[in-house]
Protein backbone atom coordinates (compact mmCIF):
# COMPACT_ATOMS: atom_id res chain seq x y z
CA UNK A 1 1.65 3.03 32.19
CA UNK A 2 5.35 2.87 33.02
CA UNK A 3 7.33 5.69 34.53
CA UNK A 4 8.98 6.53 31.21
CA UNK A 5 5.58 6.85 29.48
CA UNK A 6 4.34 9.12 32.27
CA UNK A 7 7.45 11.28 31.85
CA UNK A 8 6.83 11.57 28.10
CA UNK A 9 3.20 12.49 28.78
CA UNK A 10 4.34 15.22 31.19
CA UNK A 11 6.66 16.65 28.54
CA UNK A 12 3.91 16.47 25.92
CA UNK A 13 1.48 18.24 28.25
CA UNK A 14 3.99 21.07 28.70
CA UNK A 15 4.43 21.19 24.92
CA UNK A 16 0.69 21.43 24.24
CA UNK A 17 0.20 24.07 26.93
CA UNK A 18 3.02 26.11 25.39
CA UNK A 19 1.41 25.78 21.95
CA UNK A 20 -1.94 26.82 23.42
CA UNK A 21 -0.46 29.91 25.07
CA UNK A 22 1.45 30.83 21.92
CA UNK A 23 -1.73 30.54 19.86
CA UNK A 24 -3.64 32.71 22.33
CA UNK A 25 -0.88 35.31 22.24
CA UNK A 26 -1.03 35.38 18.44
CA UNK A 27 -4.80 35.82 18.61
CA UNK A 28 -4.48 38.76 21.01
CA UNK A 29 -1.77 40.29 18.83
CA UNK A 30 -3.95 40.22 15.72
CA UNK A 31 -7.57 40.64 16.86
CA UNK A 32 -8.87 41.93 13.52
CA UNK A 33 -9.30 38.66 11.70
CA UNK A 34 -12.10 37.18 9.65
CA UNK A 35 -14.59 34.57 10.73
CA UNK A 36 -12.64 31.73 9.14
CA UNK A 37 -9.41 32.62 10.92
CA UNK A 38 -11.23 32.84 14.25
CA UNK A 39 -12.72 29.36 13.75
CA UNK A 40 -9.27 28.02 12.84
CA UNK A 41 -7.77 29.43 16.03
CA UNK A 42 -10.65 28.19 18.18
CA UNK A 43 -10.28 24.66 16.81
CA UNK A 44 -6.50 24.77 17.28
CA UNK A 45 -6.90 25.96 20.88
CA UNK A 46 -9.50 23.27 21.62
CA UNK A 47 -7.22 20.60 20.22
CA UNK A 48 -4.16 21.80 22.14
CA UNK A 49 -6.12 21.91 25.41
CA UNK A 50 -7.62 18.47 24.77
CA UNK A 51 -4.26 16.94 23.89
CA UNK A 52 -2.72 18.39 27.05
CA UNK A 53 -5.46 16.87 29.21
CA UNK A 54 -5.96 13.57 27.38
CA UNK A 55 -3.39 11.44 29.28
CA UNK A 56 -4.66 12.55 32.68
CA UNK A 57 -8.47 12.47 32.58
CA UNK A 58 -11.12 9.79 32.37
CA UNK A 59 -13.69 10.60 29.73
CA UNK A 60 -16.67 8.29 29.43
CA UNK A 61 -17.96 6.97 26.14
CA UNK A 62 -20.70 9.60 25.70
CA UNK A 63 -18.58 12.74 26.12
CA UNK A 64 -15.75 11.10 24.16
CA UNK A 65 -18.12 10.46 21.26
CA UNK A 66 -19.31 14.09 21.34
CA UNK A 67 -15.74 15.40 21.42
CA UNK A 68 -14.79 13.02 18.62
CA UNK A 69 -17.68 14.37 16.55
CA UNK A 70 -16.52 17.95 17.15
CA UNK A 71 -12.98 17.16 15.99
CA UNK A 72 -14.29 15.24 13.00
CA UNK A 73 -16.28 18.35 12.06
CA UNK A 74 -13.06 20.33 12.59
CA UNK A 75 -11.24 18.09 10.12
CA UNK A 76 -14.01 18.67 7.58
CA UNK A 77 -13.83 22.43 8.22
CA UNK A 78 -10.14 22.51 7.33
CA UNK A 79 -10.90 20.67 4.10
CA UNK A 80 -13.62 23.07 2.95
CA UNK A 81 -12.40 24.87 -0.19
CA UNK A 82 -14.75 27.86 0.11
CA UNK A 83 -12.93 31.06 -0.88
CA UNK A 84 -9.48 29.49 -0.64
CA UNK A 85 -6.74 29.05 -3.21
CA UNK A 86 -5.01 25.74 -3.92
CA UNK A 87 -1.86 26.75 -2.01
CA UNK A 88 -3.92 27.67 1.05
CA UNK A 89 -5.78 24.35 0.86
CA UNK A 90 -2.49 22.45 0.74
CA UNK A 91 -1.37 24.21 3.92
CA UNK A 92 -4.64 23.26 5.63
CA UNK A 93 -4.34 19.53 4.95
CA UNK A 94 -2.01 18.87 7.94
CA UNK A 95 -4.44 20.71 10.21
CA UNK A 96 -7.23 18.45 8.96
CA UNK A 97 -4.99 15.44 9.65
CA UNK A 98 -4.40 16.69 13.19
CA UNK A 99 -8.14 17.05 13.83
CA UNK A 100 -8.72 13.59 12.37
CA UNK A 101 -6.00 12.16 14.61
CA UNK A 102 -7.65 13.68 17.68
CA UNK A 103 -11.02 12.23 16.69
CA UNK A 104 -9.37 8.87 16.03
CA UNK A 105 -7.72 8.76 19.46
CA UNK A 106 -11.06 9.53 21.12
CA UNK A 107 -12.89 6.89 19.11
CA UNK A 108 -10.80 3.75 19.50
CA UNK A 109 -8.65 2.05 22.14
CA UNK A 110 -5.00 2.82 21.66
CA UNK A 111 -2.78 0.40 19.77
CA UNK A 112 0.20 0.98 22.04
CA UNK A 113 1.18 -1.25 24.93
CA UNK A 114 -0.97 -1.26 28.01
CA UNK A 115 -4.69 -0.75 28.68
CA UNK A 116 -5.07 2.51 26.81
CA UNK A 117 -8.36 4.35 26.60
CA UNK A 118 -10.06 1.90 28.90
CA UNK A 119 -12.41 4.73 29.87
CA UNK A 120 -14.20 4.51 26.56
CA UNK A 121 -15.97 1.45 27.83
CA UNK A 122 -16.91 -1.89 26.37
CA UNK A 123 -18.38 -0.38 23.21
CA UNK A 124 -15.02 0.98 22.19
CA UNK A 125 -13.28 -2.26 23.05
CA UNK A 126 -15.80 -4.11 20.93
CA UNK A 127 -14.63 -2.29 17.85
CA UNK A 128 -10.99 -2.76 18.72
CA UNK A 129 -8.10 -0.63 17.48
CA UNK A 130 -9.31 -1.05 13.93
CA UNK A 131 -12.41 1.10 13.80
CA UNK A 132 -13.03 -0.20 10.29
CA UNK A 133 -14.78 -3.11 11.91
CA UNK A 134 -14.72 -5.42 14.88
CA UNK A 135 -11.72 -7.67 15.06
CA UNK A 136 -9.67 -5.63 12.61
CA UNK A 137 -6.66 -4.40 14.60
CA UNK A 138 -4.53 -4.27 11.44
CA UNK A 139 -6.80 -1.65 9.88
CA UNK A 140 -6.60 0.45 13.03
CA UNK A 141 -2.80 0.22 13.07
CA UNK A 142 -2.61 1.29 9.43
CA UNK A 143 -4.77 4.35 10.10
CA UNK A 144 -2.79 5.24 13.22
CA UNK A 145 0.58 4.92 11.47
CA UNK A 146 -0.66 6.80 8.39
CA UNK A 147 -1.86 9.75 10.46
CA UNK A 148 1.32 9.72 12.57
CA UNK A 149 3.53 9.64 9.46
CA UNK A 150 1.69 12.57 7.84
CA UNK A 151 1.93 14.63 11.01
CA UNK A 152 5.59 13.79 11.53
CA UNK A 153 6.43 14.80 7.97
CA UNK A 154 4.61 18.10 8.40
CA UNK A 155 6.29 18.68 11.77
CA UNK A 156 9.76 18.28 10.25
CA UNK A 157 8.85 20.58 7.36
CA UNK A 158 7.31 23.23 9.60
CA UNK A 159 10.06 23.21 12.23
CA UNK A 160 12.82 23.51 9.63
CA UNK A 161 11.01 26.08 7.48
CA UNK A 162 12.27 29.16 9.40
CA UNK A 163 15.88 27.87 9.44
CA UNK A 164 18.45 29.59 7.24
CA UNK A 165 18.76 28.01 3.83
CA UNK A 166 22.06 26.56 2.62
CA UNK A 167 21.30 27.78 -0.87
CA UNK A 168 22.04 31.30 -2.02
CA UNK A 169 18.64 31.66 -3.71
CA UNK A 170 15.89 31.74 -1.11
CA UNK A 171 12.20 31.82 -1.95
CA UNK A 172 9.95 34.60 -0.74
CA UNK A 173 7.93 32.10 1.32
CA UNK A 174 11.06 30.93 3.14
CA UNK A 175 12.14 34.52 3.85
CA UNK A 176 8.68 35.23 5.27
CA UNK A 177 8.86 32.12 7.45
CA UNK A 178 12.28 33.16 8.77
CA UNK A 179 10.96 36.62 9.57
CA UNK A 180 8.01 35.29 11.62
CA UNK A 181 8.99 31.82 12.82
CA UNK A 182 6.54 31.50 15.73
CA UNK A 183 3.64 30.23 13.64
CA UNK A 184 5.72 27.55 11.93
CA UNK A 185 7.35 26.46 15.17
CA UNK A 186 4.00 26.29 16.97
CA UNK A 187 2.34 24.30 14.20
CA UNK A 188 5.33 21.98 13.90
CA UNK A 189 5.42 21.36 17.65
CA UNK A 190 1.69 20.62 17.66
CA UNK A 191 2.02 18.16 14.80
CA UNK A 192 5.03 16.46 16.40
CA UNK A 193 3.27 16.11 19.76
CA UNK A 194 0.14 14.72 18.12
CA UNK A 195 2.18 12.16 16.16
CA UNK A 196 3.86 11.00 19.37
CA UNK A 197 0.53 10.79 21.20
CA UNK A 198 -0.88 8.62 18.42
CA UNK A 199 1.71 5.90 18.98
CA UNK A 200 1.88 6.12 22.79
CA UNK A 201 -0.47 4.43 25.25
CA UNK A 202 -2.61 6.96 27.10
């Protein structure tokens, strides 16, 4: 990896650590939460910690596969509709995309420049960037870009949600976001960092 990529990875690591600490602080500030909310926060913390460490550690194929399975299960968890309204499910879709992106990065070699994810071993290289099948790098690129685009769109929405509106009529949801911006900023930063990690070699 070049010096510029290393610098970006350092900045992303700081970003993910900040998101992790902010999430922990929110958890301490509101300890009386249900089981579902605790699972959500645990998965978010695990993802932030994993994203912070990903550029700097060598994970062999076995542990990477286990971690990928955990994050795949996390993506499924965020898609479960049990006891949730449609609006809540819509808000959970980006979180599912983030979990899926983490699992995807652990599963396949990276499509960026350089020997990314060489630590996954020959089995991962046999599938190539397109995990849809061997020798299908185009499929892998489509999945990578689709996940990155979804996360980037959510990041822009979430980061701008607490900003003052230019319109005189402001919705109740936007007023609530402006009153407590930390959650939106944290989620937007996490989505933005994940989107960047998807398209960078690591």
